[in-house]
Amino acid sequence: MNINHCVGRAALAVLSIAAVLLFTGCSEKEFENHYAFPKDGLLTLITNEDEIRPDGFAADLCVPSSDGDLDADGVNAHAFGLFSVDGKEVISQHNVYERVYPASTTKILTCLIALERGDLDSMVTIPEESKITVSGSSMADLKPGDKLPLRDLLYGLMVPSGNDAAVAIAHHISGDVEGFSAVMNQRAAELGATNSHFVNPHGLPDEEHYVTVYDMYLIFNEAMKNKTFREIAGTAEYSCKVTNKDDREQPEREVTWTSGNGFLNGKFTFADNMHVICGKTGHTNAAGFCLVLGSEADSDGKQYISVVMNSPIYEYLYAGHKTLASKSQ
């Protein structure tokens, strides 16, 4: 065993015991044989009834015990995980710490930041930079100069997965894509998603734009706490009015957006006795088919987050989520 590792563990033990003695006022003799130092290296205070572990950063989070597989059968994807929000337990996992391309699941973080930093009633003018010519790019059919409230723009981001909406939000919040990407990386780090890196608000391919399944869980778990996020990301269809630029004959037009989430739009059925709360899809050739999903059990209201990244076929993506949901019951 590495000597520095041993010294570090010993130091941790001494500091932890000292802290307990300091706050309790008890002598070391009174706590003799009341400590367990298990294989994972975490010092634990043992009482007669239960173990008492101090709260920390991950006290309310699911934390994988290792980077190995856990109940990973039946899902055809490069990386995936199922996390119990209420039980704070990882139920299934495969390659949860491996870097993958997120495609449009990136927009989960984009939406979260806009909700935290933006005024939903503020008017947003679509910038010239929102014109994206990448083949196959999903768009909300917004044109430079169009105006609409940030609230509606967030539906344009999440429901039809508009890359034009993503760029407009980045400019509205931070002035440009580069500044917004810096905010994305800062916010991700604050949530513990330190194995991810973002260079744009939409997820179009870039070698420096990547996530992990576990980081996506951390980001989505935070977003799920926001009621407005759940409403937006759980919407199957949304209509709103957009102010047209310099069009006196038709100053406004109505747009209707439909979700590409197969569970929300009715293309696929979810697991029995459970329902989908919200989610975000993503797809590029590099990322494969991706979906981050929040669901709830009908019987007890317990909530779950499932993350499936880089599934090779569209149908496999939804079959994989359905399989994961069955593991929660």
C-alpha atoms as a PDB file:
ATOM      1  CA  MET A   1       0.000   0.000   0.000  1.00  0.00           C
ATOM      2  CA  ASN A   2       1.228   3.503  -0.765  1.00  0.00           C
ATOM      3  CA  ILE A   3       2.861   5.066   2.341  1.00  0.00           C
ATOM      4  CA  ASN A   4       1.346   8.489   1.718  1.00  0.00           C
ATOM      5  CA  HIS A   5      -2.084   6.897   1.498  1.00  0.00           C
ATOM      6  CA  CYS A   6      -1.557   5.184   4.862  1.00  0.00           C
ATOM      7  CA  VAL A   7      -0.372   8.405   6.471  1.00  0.00           C
ATOM      8  CA  GLY A   8      -3.348  10.264   5.047  1.00  0.00           C
ATOM      9  CA  ARG A   9      -5.781   7.723   6.461  1.00  0.00           C
ATOM     10  CA  ALA A  10      -4.121   7.860   9.862  1.00  0.00           C
ATOM     11  CA  ALA A  11      -4.251  11.635   9.865  1.00  0.00           C
ATOM     12  CA  LEU A  12      -7.910  11.539   8.948  1.00  0.00           C
ATOM     13  CA  ALA A  13      -8.593   9.236  11.872  1.00  0.00           C
ATOM     14  CA  VAL A  14      -6.764  11.472  14.341  1.00  0.00           C
ATOM     15  CA  LEU A  15      -8.477  14.636  13.111  1.00  0.00           C
ATOM     16  CA  SER A  16     -11.902  13.036  13.116  1.00  0.00           C
ATOM     17  CA  ILE A  17     -11.566  11.697  16.647  1.00  0.00           C
ATOM     18  CA  ALA A  18     -10.226  15.025  17.849  1.00  0.00           C
ATOM     19  CA  ALA A  19     -13.177  16.804  16.331  1.00  0.00           C
ATOM     20  CA  VAL A  20     -15.647  14.537  18.089  1.00  0.00           C
ATOM     21  CA  LEU A  21     -13.893  14.996  21.430  1.00  0.00           C
ATOM     22  CA  LEU A  22     -13.802  18.755  20.952  1.00  0.00           C
ATOM     23  CA  PHE A  23     -17.512  19.077  20.288  1.00  0.00           C
ATOM     24  CA  THR A  24     -18.660  16.564  22.906  1.00  0.00           C
ATOM     25  CA  GLY A  25     -16.314  17.490  25.714  1.00  0.00           C
ATOM     26  CA  CYS A  26     -15.770  13.786  26.465  1.00  0.00           C
ATOM     27  CA  SER A  27     -12.434  12.213  27.168  1.00  0.00           C
ATOM     28  CA  GLU A  28     -10.718   9.829  24.746  1.00  0.00           C
ATOM     29  CA  LYS A  29     -11.177   6.960  27.229  1.00  0.00           C
ATOM     30  CA  GLU A  30     -14.970   7.342  27.174  1.00  0.00           C
ATOM     31  CA  PHE A  31     -14.958   6.751  23.404  1.00  0.00           C
ATOM     32  CA  GLU A  32     -12.602   3.790  23.489  1.00  0.00           C
ATOM     33  CA  ASN A  33     -13.673   1.068  21.021  1.00  0.00           C
ATOM     34  CA  HIS A  34     -16.538   3.212  19.792  1.00  0.00           C
ATOM     35  CA  TYR A  35     -14.935   3.862  16.415  1.00  0.00           C
ATOM     36  CA  ALA A  36     -14.989   1.764  13.292  1.00  0.00           C
ATOM     37  CA  PHE A  37     -12.486   2.229  10.477  1.00  0.00           C
ATOM     38  CA  PRO A  38     -13.997   0.189   7.620  1.00  0.00           C
ATOM     39  CA  LYS A  39     -12.373  -0.734   4.322  1.00  0.00           C
ATOM     40  CA  ASP A  40     -13.501   2.427   2.558  1.00  0.00           C
ATOM     41  CA  GLY A  41     -11.345   4.493   4.904  1.00  0.00           C
ATOM     42  CA  LEU A  42     -14.207   6.523   6.416  1.00  0.00           C
ATOM     43  CA  LEU A  43     -14.104   6.866  10.159  1.00  0.00           C
ATOM     44  CA  THR A  44     -17.513   6.144  11.685  1.00  0.00           C
ATOM     45  CA  LEU A  45     -18.827   6.870  15.169  1.00  0.00           C
ATOM     46  CA  ILE A  46     -20.797   3.869  16.416  1.00  0.00           C
ATOM     47  CA  THR A  47     -23.614   4.166  18.946  1.00  0.00           C
ATOM     48  CA  ASN A  48     -25.620   1.401  20.582  1.00  0.00           C
ATOM     49  CA  GLU A  49     -28.483   1.855  18.081  1.00  0.00           C
ATOM     50  CA  ASP A  50     -27.271   3.295  14.776  1.00  0.00           C
ATOM     51  CA  GLU A  51     -24.243   4.586  12.998  1.00  0.00           C
ATOM     52  CA  ILE A  52     -23.936   8.359  12.968  1.00  0.00           C
ATOM     53  CA  ARG A  53     -22.098   9.818   9.997  1.00  0.00           C
ATOM     54  CA  PRO A  54     -21.430  13.565   9.753  1.00  0.00           C
ATOM     55  CA  ASP A  55     -23.227  15.385   6.948  1.00  0.00           C
ATOM     56  CA  GLY A  56     -21.073  16.505   4.065  1.00  0.00           C
ATOM     57  CA  PHE A  57     -21.293  17.783   0.538  1.00  0.00           C
ATOM     58  CA  ALA A  58     -22.881  14.557  -0.713  1.00  0.00           C
ATOM     59  CA  ALA A  59     -25.241  14.006   2.216  1.00  0.00           C
ATOM     60  CA  ASP A  60     -28.314  14.418  -0.014  1.00  0.00           C
ATOM     61  CA  LEU A  61     -26.849  12.847  -3.140  1.00  0.00           C
ATOM     62  CA  CYS A  62     -26.458   9.415  -4.651  1.00  0.00           C
ATOM     63  CA  VAL A  63     -22.782   8.422  -4.670  1.00  0.00           C
ATOM     64  CA  PRO A  64     -21.557   5.367  -6.603  1.00  0.00           C
ATOM     65  CA  SER A  65     -19.418   3.118  -4.439  1.00  0.00           C
ATOM     66  CA  SER A  66     -16.995   2.489  -7.309  1.00  0.00           C
ATOM     67  CA  ASP A  67     -16.687   2.865 -11.070  1.00  0.00           C
ATOM     68  CA  GLY A  68     -17.747  -0.745 -11.719  1.00  0.00           C
ATOM     69  CA  ASP A  69     -21.051  -2.086 -13.000  1.00  0.00           C
ATOM     70  CA  LEU A  70     -24.104  -2.461 -10.775  1.00  0.00           C
ATOM     71  CA  ASP A  71     -27.236  -4.304 -11.948  1.00  0.00           C
ATOM     72  CA  ALA A  72     -26.394  -3.221 -15.491  1.00  0.00           C
ATOM     73  CA  ASP A  73     -28.188  -5.913 -17.503  1.00  0.00           C
ATOM     74  CA  GLY A  74     -30.795  -5.109 -20.146  1.00  0.00           C
ATOM     75  CA  VAL A  75     -29.678  -1.634 -21.250  1.00  0.00           C
ATOM     76  CA  ASN A  76     -28.005  -1.167 -24.639  1.00  0.00           C
ATOM     77  CA  ALA A  77     -25.944   1.987 -24.208  1.00  0.00           C
ATOM     78  CA  HIS A  78     -22.328   2.952 -23.637  1.00  0.00           C
ATOM     79  CA  ALA A  79     -23.035   4.587 -20.277  1.00  0.00           C
ATOM     80  CA  PHE A  80     -26.048   4.807 -18.002  1.00  0.00           C
ATOM     81  CA  GLY A  81     -27.244   5.045 -14.421  1.00  0.00           C
ATOM     82  CA  LEU A  82     -30.381   4.935 -12.280  1.00  0.00           C
ATOM     83  CA  PHE A  83     -30.468   7.060  -9.144  1.00  0.00           C
ATOM     84  CA  SER A  84     -33.031   7.089  -6.333  1.00  0.00           C
ATOM     85  CA  VAL A  85     -33.648  10.722  -5.394  1.00  0.00           C
ATOM     86  CA  ASP A  86     -35.426   9.872  -2.140  1.00  0.00           C
ATOM     87  CA  GLY A  87     -33.363   6.850  -1.177  1.00  0.00           C
ATOM     88  CA  LYS A  88     -30.061   8.563  -2.131  1.00  0.00           C
ATOM     89  CA  GLU A  89     -29.023   5.273  -3.697  1.00  0.00           C
ATOM     90  CA  VAL A  90     -27.426   4.261  -6.976  1.00  0.00           C
ATOM     91  CA  ILE A  91     -29.582   1.389  -8.231  1.00  0.00           C
ATOM     92  CA  SER A  92     -27.897   0.699 -11.568  1.00  0.00           C
ATOM     93  CA  GLN A  93     -24.706   1.962 -13.165  1.00  0.00           C
ATOM     94  CA  HIS A  94     -22.400   1.374 -16.119  1.00  0.00           C
ATOM     95  CA  ASN A  95     -19.468   3.630 -17.093  1.00  0.00           C
ATOM     96  CA  VAL A  96     -20.899   6.430 -14.947  1.00  0.00           C
ATOM     97  CA  TYR A  97     -17.531   8.218 -14.710  1.00  0.00           C
ATOM     98  CA  GLU A  98     -16.534   7.861 -18.375  1.00  0.00           C
ATOM     99  CA  ARG A  99     -16.546  10.980 -20.531  1.00  0.00           C
ATOM    100  CA  VAL A 100     -19.226  11.046 -23.207  1.00  0.00           C
ATOM    101  CA  TYR A 101     -20.659  13.655 -25.569  1.00  0.00           C
ATOM    102  CA  PRO A 102     -23.929  15.054 -24.182  1.00  0.00           C
ATOM    103  CA  ALA A 103     -25.539  16.457 -27.344  1.00  0.00           C
ATOM    104  CA  SER A 104     -28.678  18.440 -26.416  1.00  0.00           C
ATOM    105  CA  THR A 105     -28.827  17.155 -22.833  1.00  0.00           C
ATOM    106  CA  THR A 106     -26.426  20.090 -22.431  1.00  0.00           C
ATOM    107  CA  LYS A 107     -29.536  22.281 -22.440  1.00  0.00           C
ATOM    108  CA  ILE A 108     -30.462  21.049 -18.962  1.00  0.00           C
ATOM    109  CA  LEU A 109     -27.632  23.163 -17.565  1.00  0.00           C
ATOM    110  CA  THR A 110     -28.398  26.021 -19.958  1.00  0.00           C
ATOM    111  CA  CYS A 111     -32.006  26.105 -18.744  1.00  0.00           C
ATOM    112  CA  LEU A 112     -31.000  25.876 -15.079  1.00  0.00           C
ATOM    113  CA  ILE A 113     -28.627  28.833 -15.354  1.00  0.00           C
ATOM    114  CA  ALA A 114     -31.215  30.926 -17.209  1.00  0.00           C
ATOM    115  CA  LEU A 115     -33.776  30.208 -14.486  1.00  0.00           C
ATOM    116  CA  GLU A 116     -31.290  31.144 -11.767  1.00  0.00           C
ATOM    117  CA  ARG A 117     -29.884  34.272 -13.391  1.00  0.00           C
ATOM    118  CA  GLY A 118     -32.559  35.571 -15.733  1.00  0.00           C
ATOM    119  CA  ASP A 119     -35.831  37.467 -15.419  1.00  0.00           C
ATOM    120  CA  LEU A 120     -38.446  35.235 -17.030  1.00  0.00           C
ATOM    121  CA  ASP A 121     -40.523  38.249 -18.070  1.00  0.00           C
ATOM    122  CA  SER A 122     -37.625  40.057 -19.753  1.00  0.00           C
ATOM    123  CA  MET A 123     -37.775  40.359 -23.545  1.00  0.00           C
ATOM    124  CA  VAL A 124     -35.058  38.632 -25.531  1.00  0.00           C
ATOM    125  CA  THR A 125     -34.004  39.706 -29.007  1.00  0.00           C
ATOM    126  CA  ILE A 126     -32.716  36.812 -31.098  1.00  0.00           C
ATOM    127  CA  PRO A 127     -29.133  37.666 -32.174  1.00  0.00           C
ATOM    128  CA  GLU A 128     -27.522  37.063 -35.563  1.00  0.00           C
ATOM    129  CA  GLU A 129     -25.348  34.401 -33.932  1.00  0.00           C
ATOM    130  CA  SER A 130     -28.451  32.212 -33.505  1.00  0.00           C
ATOM    131  CA  LYS A 131     -28.316  31.370 -37.216  1.00  0.00           C
ATOM    132  CA  ILE A 132     -26.893  27.821 -37.151  1.00  0.00           C
ATOM    133  CA  THR A 133     -26.228  26.005 -40.408  1.00  0.00           C
ATOM    134  CA  VAL A 134     -24.956  22.678 -39.048  1.00  0.00           C
ATOM    135  CA  SER A 135     -26.726  19.843 -40.861  1.00  0.00           C
ATOM    136  CA  GLY A 136     -29.411  18.193 -38.723  1.00  0.00           C
ATOM    137  CA  SER A 137     -29.320  20.921 -36.080  1.00  0.00           C
ATOM    138  CA  SER A 138     -32.588  21.083 -34.119  1.00  0.00           C
ATOM    139  CA  MET A 139     -34.107  24.560 -34.200  1.00  0.00           C
ATOM    140  CA  ALA A 140     -37.028  26.507 -32.720  1.00  0.00           C
ATOM    141  CA  ASP A 141     -37.518  28.393 -36.017  1.00  0.00           C
ATOM    142  CA  LEU A 142     -36.484  31.720 -34.525  1.00  0.00           C
ATOM    143  CA  LYS A 143     -35.076  34.449 -36.762  1.00  0.00           C
ATOM    144  CA  PRO A 144     -32.546  37.173 -35.892  1.00  0.00           C
ATOM    145  CA  GLY A 145     -34.455  40.189 -34.641  1.00  0.00           C
ATOM    146  CA  ASP A 146     -37.413  38.185 -33.308  1.00  0.00           C
ATOM    147  CA  LYS A 147     -38.474  39.094 -29.782  1.00  0.00           C
ATOM    148  CA  LEU A 148     -40.103  36.973 -27.083  1.00  0.00           C
ATOM    149  CA  PRO A 149     -40.044  36.661 -23.277  1.00  0.00           C
ATOM    150  CA  LEU A 150     -37.278  34.584 -21.728  1.00  0.00           C
ATOM    151  CA  ARG A 151     -39.950  32.278 -20.279  1.00  0.00           C
ATOM    152  CA  ASP A 152     -41.192  31.364 -23.770  1.00  0.00           C
ATOM    153  CA  LEU A 153     -37.639  31.119 -25.065  1.00  0.00           C
ATOM    154  CA  LEU A 154     -36.896  28.451 -22.453  1.00  0.00           C
ATOM    155  CA  TYR A 155     -39.740  26.380 -23.864  1.00  0.00           C
ATOM    156  CA  GLY A 156     -38.135  26.874 -27.282  1.00  0.00           C
ATOM    157  CA  LEU A 157     -34.908  25.570 -25.772  1.00  0.00           C
ATOM    158  CA  MET A 158     -36.310  22.469 -24.092  1.00  0.00           C
ATOM    159  CA  VAL A 159     -39.398  21.379 -26.064  1.00  0.00           C
ATOM    160  CA  PRO A 160     -38.164  21.407 -29.699  1.00  0.00           C
ATOM    161  CA  SER A 161     -34.537  21.507 -28.445  1.00  0.00           C
ATOM    162  CA  GLY A 162     -33.803  24.733 -30.305  1.00  0.00           C
ATOM    163  CA  ASN A 163     -30.106  25.414 -30.791  1.00  0.00           C
ATOM    164  CA  ASP A 164     -31.058  28.915 -31.916  1.00  0.00           C
ATOM    165  CA  ALA A 165     -32.832  29.400 -28.591  1.00  0.00           C
ATOM    166  CA  ALA A 166     -29.735  28.180 -26.726  1.00  0.00           C
ATOM    167  CA  VAL A 167     -27.481  30.756 -28.380  1.00  0.00           C
ATOM    168  CA  ALA A 168     -30.023  33.522 -27.759  1.00  0.00           C
ATOM    169  CA  ILE A 169     -30.173  32.603 -24.073  1.00  0.00           C
ATOM    170  CA  ALA A 170     -26.379  32.596 -23.815  1.00  0.00           C
ATOM    171  CA  HIS A 171     -26.188  36.094 -25.299  1.00  0.00           C
ATOM    172  CA  HIS A 172     -29.048  37.343 -23.117  1.00  0.00           C
ATOM    173  CA  ILE A 173     -27.535  36.065 -19.881  1.00  0.00           C
ATOM    174  CA  SER A 174     -23.796  36.548 -20.464  1.00  0.00           C
ATOM    175  CA  GLY A 175     -23.329  38.629 -23.610  1.00  0.00           C
ATOM    176  CA  ASP A 176     -21.904  35.837 -25.754  1.00  0.00           C
ATOM    177  CA  VAL A 177     -21.429  32.069 -25.937  1.00  0.00           C
ATOM    178  CA  GLU A 178     -17.910  32.160 -24.481  1.00  0.00           C
ATOM    179  CA  GLY A 179     -18.992  34.052 -21.386  1.00  0.00           C
ATOM    180  CA  PHE A 180     -21.993  31.791 -20.887  1.00  0.00           C
ATOM    181  CA  SER A 181     -19.834  28.674 -21.253  1.00  0.00           C
ATOM    182  CA  ALA A 182     -17.626  29.961 -18.451  1.00  0.00           C
ATOM    183  CA  VAL A 183     -20.734  30.304 -16.280  1.00  0.00           C
ATOM    184  CA  MET A 184     -21.760  26.763 -17.233  1.00  0.00           C
ATOM    185  CA  ASN A 185     -18.419  25.351 -16.108  1.00  0.00           C
ATOM    186  CA  GLN A 186     -18.525  27.333 -12.884  1.00  0.00           C
ATOM    187  CA  ARG A 187     -22.055  26.168 -12.067  1.00  0.00           C
ATOM    188  CA  ALA A 188     -21.217  22.564 -12.923  1.00  0.00           C
ATOM    189  CA  ALA A 189     -18.209  22.695 -10.592  1.00  0.00           C
ATOM    190  CA  GLU A 190     -20.379  24.099  -7.798  1.00  0.00           C
ATOM    191  CA  LEU A 191     -22.639  21.049  -8.174  1.00  0.00           C
ATOM    192  CA  GLY A 192     -19.693  18.648  -8.040  1.00  0.00           C
ATOM    193  CA  ALA A 193     -19.827  17.908 -11.764  1.00  0.00           C
ATOM    194  CA  THR A 194     -16.078  18.309 -12.107  1.00  0.00           C
ATOM    195  CA  ASN A 195     -15.510  15.677 -14.807  1.00  0.00           C
ATOM    196  CA  SER A 196     -17.455  17.669 -17.384  1.00  0.00           C
ATOM    197  CA  HIS A 197     -16.559  20.609 -19.591  1.00  0.00           C
ATOM    198  CA  PHE A 198     -18.789  22.869 -21.677  1.00  0.00           C
ATOM    199  CA  VAL A 199     -17.923  25.152 -24.596  1.00  0.00           C
ATOM    200  CA  ASN A 200     -21.416  25.935 -25.873  1.00  0.00           C
ATOM    201  CA  PRO A 201     -25.017  26.122 -24.589  1.00  0.00           C
ATOM    202  CA  HIS A 202     -26.553  23.596 -27.017  1.00  0.00           C
ATOM    203  CA  GLY A 203     -24.295  20.529 -27.223  1.00  0.00           C
ATOM    204  CA  LEU A 204     -23.282  20.522 -30.870  1.00  0.00           C
ATOM    205  CA  PRO A 205     -20.122  18.384 -31.184  1.00  0.00           C
ATOM    206  CA  ASP A 206     -16.805  19.677 -29.889  1.00  0.00           C
ATOM    207  CA  GLU A 207     -13.894  17.646 -28.501  1.00  0.00           C
ATOM    208  CA  GLU A 208     -13.755  19.927 -25.474  1.00  0.00           C
ATOM    209  CA  HIS A 209     -17.472  19.561 -24.711  1.00  0.00           C
ATOM    210  CA  TYR A 210     -18.152  16.446 -22.645  1.00  0.00           C
ATOM    211  CA  VAL A 211     -19.898  15.108 -19.539  1.00  0.00           C
ATOM    212  CA  THR A 212     -20.225  11.926 -17.508  1.00  0.00           C
ATOM    213  CA  VAL A 213     -23.393  10.079 -16.549  1.00  0.00           C
ATOM    214  CA  TYR A 214     -22.808  10.900 -12.898  1.00  0.00           C
ATOM    215  CA  ASP A 215     -22.266  14.601 -13.633  1.00  0.00           C
ATOM    216  CA  MET A 216     -25.503  14.671 -15.632  1.00  0.00           C
ATOM    217  CA  TYR A 217     -27.268  13.184 -12.622  1.00  0.00           C
ATOM    218  CA  LEU A 218     -25.817  15.932 -10.399  1.00  0.00           C
ATOM    219  CA  ILE A 219     -26.899  18.700 -12.785  1.00  0.00           C
ATOM    220  CA  PHE A 220     -30.359  17.269 -13.423  1.00  0.00           C
ATOM    221  CA  ASN A 221     -30.898  16.597  -9.722  1.00  0.00           C
ATOM    222  CA  GLU A 222     -30.354  20.296  -9.034  1.00  0.00           C
ATOM    223  CA  ALA A 223     -32.585  21.332 -11.929  1.00  0.00           C
ATOM    224  CA  MET A 224     -35.396  19.064 -10.709  1.00  0.00           C
ATOM    225  CA  LYS A 225     -35.608  21.153  -7.537  1.00  0.00           C
ATOM    226  CA  ASN A 226     -36.887  24.057  -9.634  1.00  0.00           C
ATOM    227  CA  LYS A 227     -40.638  23.897 -10.240  1.00  0.00           C
ATOM    228  CA  THR A 228     -40.456  25.958 -13.418  1.00  0.00           C
ATOM    229  CA  PHE A 229     -37.787  23.670 -14.837  1.00  0.00           C
ATOM    230  CA  ARG A 230     -39.961  20.629 -14.179  1.00  0.00           C
ATOM    231  CA  GLU A 231     -42.896  22.322 -15.921  1.00  0.00           C
ATOM    232  CA  ILE A 232     -40.860  23.320 -18.971  1.00  0.00           C
ATOM    233  CA  ALA A 233     -38.937  20.042 -19.313  1.00  0.00           C
ATOM    234  CA  GLY A 234     -42.153  18.074 -18.813  1.00  0.00           C
ATOM    235  CA  THR A 235     -44.130  19.814 -21.578  1.00  0.00           C
ATOM    236  CA  ALA A 236     -45.141  17.829 -24.665  1.00  0.00           C
ATOM    237  CA  GLU A 237     -46.359  20.793 -26.736  1.00  0.00           C
ATOM    238  CA  TYR A 238     -46.178  24.551 -26.308  1.00  0.00           C
ATOM    239  CA  SER A 239     -47.446  27.533 -28.301  1.00  0.00           C
ATOM    240  CA  CYS A 240     -46.499  31.194 -27.956  1.00  0.00           C
ATOM    241  CA  LYS A 241     -46.382  34.439 -29.922  1.00  0.00           C
ATOM    242  CA  VAL A 242     -43.175  35.845 -31.361  1.00  0.00           C
ATOM    243  CA  THR A 243     -42.754  39.491 -32.336  1.00  0.00           C
ATOM    244  CA  ASN A 244     -41.482  39.675 -35.914  1.00  0.00           C
ATOM    245  CA  LYS A 245     -38.730  42.085 -36.810  1.00  0.00           C
ATOM    246  CA  ASP A 246     -39.737  44.944 -39.130  1.00  0.00           C
ATOM    247  CA  ASP A 247     -42.921  43.242 -40.329  1.00  0.00           C
ATOM    248  CA  ARG A 248     -45.730  45.790 -40.247  1.00  0.00           C
ATOM    249  CA  GLU A 249     -48.223  43.520 -41.986  1.00  0.00           C
ATOM    250  CA  GLN A 250     -47.649  40.681 -39.512  1.00  0.00           C
ATOM    251  CA  PRO A 251     -46.123  42.101 -36.308  1.00  0.00           C
ATOM    252  CA  GLU A 252     -46.671  38.808 -34.496  1.00  0.00           C
ATOM    253  CA  ARG A 253     -46.708  35.155 -35.428  1.00  0.00           C
ATOM    254  CA  GLU A 254     -47.637  32.096 -33.395  1.00  0.00           C
ATOM    255  CA  VAL A 255     -45.221  29.193 -33.112  1.00  0.00           C
ATOM    256  CA  THR A 256     -45.989  25.719 -31.781  1.00  0.00           C
ATOM    257  CA  TRP A 257     -43.267  23.431 -30.521  1.00  0.00           C
ATOM    258  CA  THR A 258     -43.525  19.672 -29.968  1.00  0.00           C
ATOM    259  CA  SER A 259     -41.248  17.662 -27.702  1.00  0.00           C
ATOM    260  CA  GLY A 260     -38.910  15.082 -29.154  1.00  0.00           C
ATOM    261  CA  ASN A 261     -39.073  13.112 -25.885  1.00  0.00           C
ATOM    262  CA  GLY A 262     -40.781   9.866 -26.895  1.00  0.00           C
ATOM    263  CA  PHE A 263     -42.236   9.353 -23.427  1.00  0.00           C
ATOM    264  CA  LEU A 264     -43.814  12.823 -23.430  1.00  0.00           C
ATOM    265  CA  ASN A 265     -45.091  12.840 -27.006  1.00  0.00           C
ATOM    266  CA  GLY A 266     -46.658   9.391 -26.723  1.00  0.00           C
ATOM    267  CA  LYS A 267     -44.387   7.414 -29.059  1.00  0.00           C
ATOM    268  CA  PHE A 268     -43.279   5.134 -26.226  1.00  0.00           C
ATOM    269  CA  THR A 269     -44.943   3.908 -23.040  1.00  0.00           C
ATOM    270  CA  PHE A 270     -43.111   4.124 -19.739  1.00  0.00           C
ATOM    271  CA  ALA A 271     -42.828   1.460 -17.059  1.00  0.00           C
ATOM    272  CA  ASP A 272     -45.984   0.200 -15.353  1.00  0.00           C
ATOM    273  CA  ASN A 273     -47.019   2.031 -12.183  1.00  0.00           C
ATOM    274  CA  MET A 274     -44.650   4.926 -12.910  1.00  0.00           C
ATOM    275  CA  HIS A 275     -44.882   8.195 -14.794  1.00  0.00           C
ATOM    276  CA  VAL A 276     -42.418  10.626 -16.341  1.00  0.00           C
ATOM    277  CA  ILE A 277     -42.011  14.029 -14.675  1.00  0.00           C
ATOM    278  CA  CYS A 278     -39.657  15.661 -17.148  1.00  0.00           C
ATOM    279  CA  GLY A 279     -36.564  15.033 -19.224  1.00  0.00           C
ATOM    280  CA  LYS A 280     -34.269  16.112 -22.035  1.00  0.00           C
ATOM    281  CA  THR A 281     -33.179  14.222 -25.122  1.00  0.00           C
ATOM    282  CA  GLY A 282     -30.052  14.611 -27.213  1.00  0.00           C
ATOM    283  CA  HIS A 283     -28.627  13.187 -30.405  1.00  0.00           C
ATOM    284  CA  THR A 284     -25.633  13.696 -32.657  1.00  0.00           C
ATOM    285  CA  ASN A 285     -23.561  11.167 -34.584  1.00  0.00           C
ATOM    286  CA  ALA A 286     -20.800  11.535 -32.008  1.00  0.00           C
ATOM    287  CA  ALA A 287     -23.078  11.331 -28.944  1.00  0.00           C
ATOM    288  CA  GLY A 288     -25.505   8.677 -30.151  1.00  0.00           C
ATOM    289  CA  PHE A 289     -28.973   8.804 -28.616  1.00  0.00           C
ATOM    290  CA  CYS A 290     -29.169  10.322 -25.119  1.00  0.00           C
ATOM    291  CA  LEU A 291     -31.906  10.996 -22.585  1.00  0.00           C
ATOM    292  CA  VAL A 292     -31.910  12.270 -19.003  1.00  0.00           C
ATOM    293  CA  LEU A 293     -35.213  11.552 -17.293  1.00  0.00           C
ATOM    294  CA  GLY A 294     -36.978  12.278 -14.021  1.00  0.00           C
ATOM    295  CA  SER A 295     -39.737   9.834 -13.048  1.00  0.00           C
ATOM    296  CA  GLU A 296     -42.004   9.036 -10.123  1.00  0.00           C
ATOM    297  CA  ALA A 297     -43.609   5.890  -8.738  1.00  0.00           C
ATOM    298  CA  ASP A 298     -47.408   6.048  -8.652  1.00  0.00           C
ATOM    299  CA  SER A 299     -47.624   4.028  -5.416  1.00  0.00           C
ATOM    300  CA  ASP A 300     -45.418   6.016  -3.046  1.00  0.00           C
ATOM    301  CA  GLY A 301     -44.362   9.131  -4.976  1.00  0.00           C
ATOM    302  CA  LYS A 302     -40.670   8.262  -4.807  1.00  0.00           C
ATOM    303  CA  GLN A 303     -38.641   9.938  -7.527  1.00  0.00           C
ATOM    304  CA  TYR A 304     -35.843   8.638  -9.714  1.00  0.00           C
ATOM    305  CA  ILE A 305     -33.362  10.032 -12.208  1.00  0.00           C
ATOM    306  CA  SER A 306     -32.240   7.840 -15.089  1.00  0.00           C
ATOM    307  CA  VAL A 307     -29.441   8.790 -17.459  1.00  0.00           C
ATOM    308  CA  VAL A 308     -28.748   6.897 -20.682  1.00  0.00           C
ATOM    309  CA  MET A 309     -25.942   8.182 -22.911  1.00  0.00           C
ATOM    310  CA  ASN A 310     -24.692   7.014 -26.293  1.00  0.00           C
ATOM    311  CA  SER A 311     -27.318   4.421 -27.113  1.00  0.00           C
ATOM    312  CA  PRO A 312     -26.757   3.204 -30.686  1.00  0.00           C
ATOM    313  CA  ILE A 313     -30.412   3.117 -31.798  1.00  0.00           C
ATOM    314  CA  TYR A 314     -33.348   5.415 -31.034  1.00  0.00           C
ATOM    315  CA  GLU A 315     -35.608   2.557 -29.904  1.00  0.00           C
ATOM    316  CA  TYR A 316     -32.893   1.144 -27.638  1.00  0.00           C
ATOM    317  CA  LEU A 317     -32.772   4.461 -25.794  1.00  0.00           C
ATOM    318  CA  TYR A 318     -36.380   4.232 -24.650  1.00  0.00           C
ATOM    319  CA  ALA A 319     -36.239   0.499 -24.010  1.00  0.00           C
ATOM    320  CA  GLY A 320     -33.219   1.158 -21.804  1.00  0.00           C
ATOM    321  CA  HIS A 321     -35.014   3.760 -19.725  1.00  0.00           C
ATOM    322  CA  LYS A 322     -37.999   1.463 -19.355  1.00  0.00           C
ATOM    323  CA  THR A 323     -35.692  -1.321 -18.173  1.00  0.00           C
ATOM    324  CA  LEU A 324     -34.040   0.985 -15.667  1.00  0.00           C
ATOM    325  CA  ALA A 325     -37.420   2.107 -14.345  1.00  0.00           C
ATOM    326  CA  SER A 326     -38.373  -1.532 -13.732  1.00  0.00           C
ATOM    327  CA  LYS A 327     -35.261  -1.920 -11.558  1.00  0.00           C
ATOM    328  CA  SER A 328     -36.609   0.728  -9.171  1.00  0.00           C
ATOM    329  CA  GLN A 329     -39.671  -1.338  -8.282  1.00  0.00           C
END
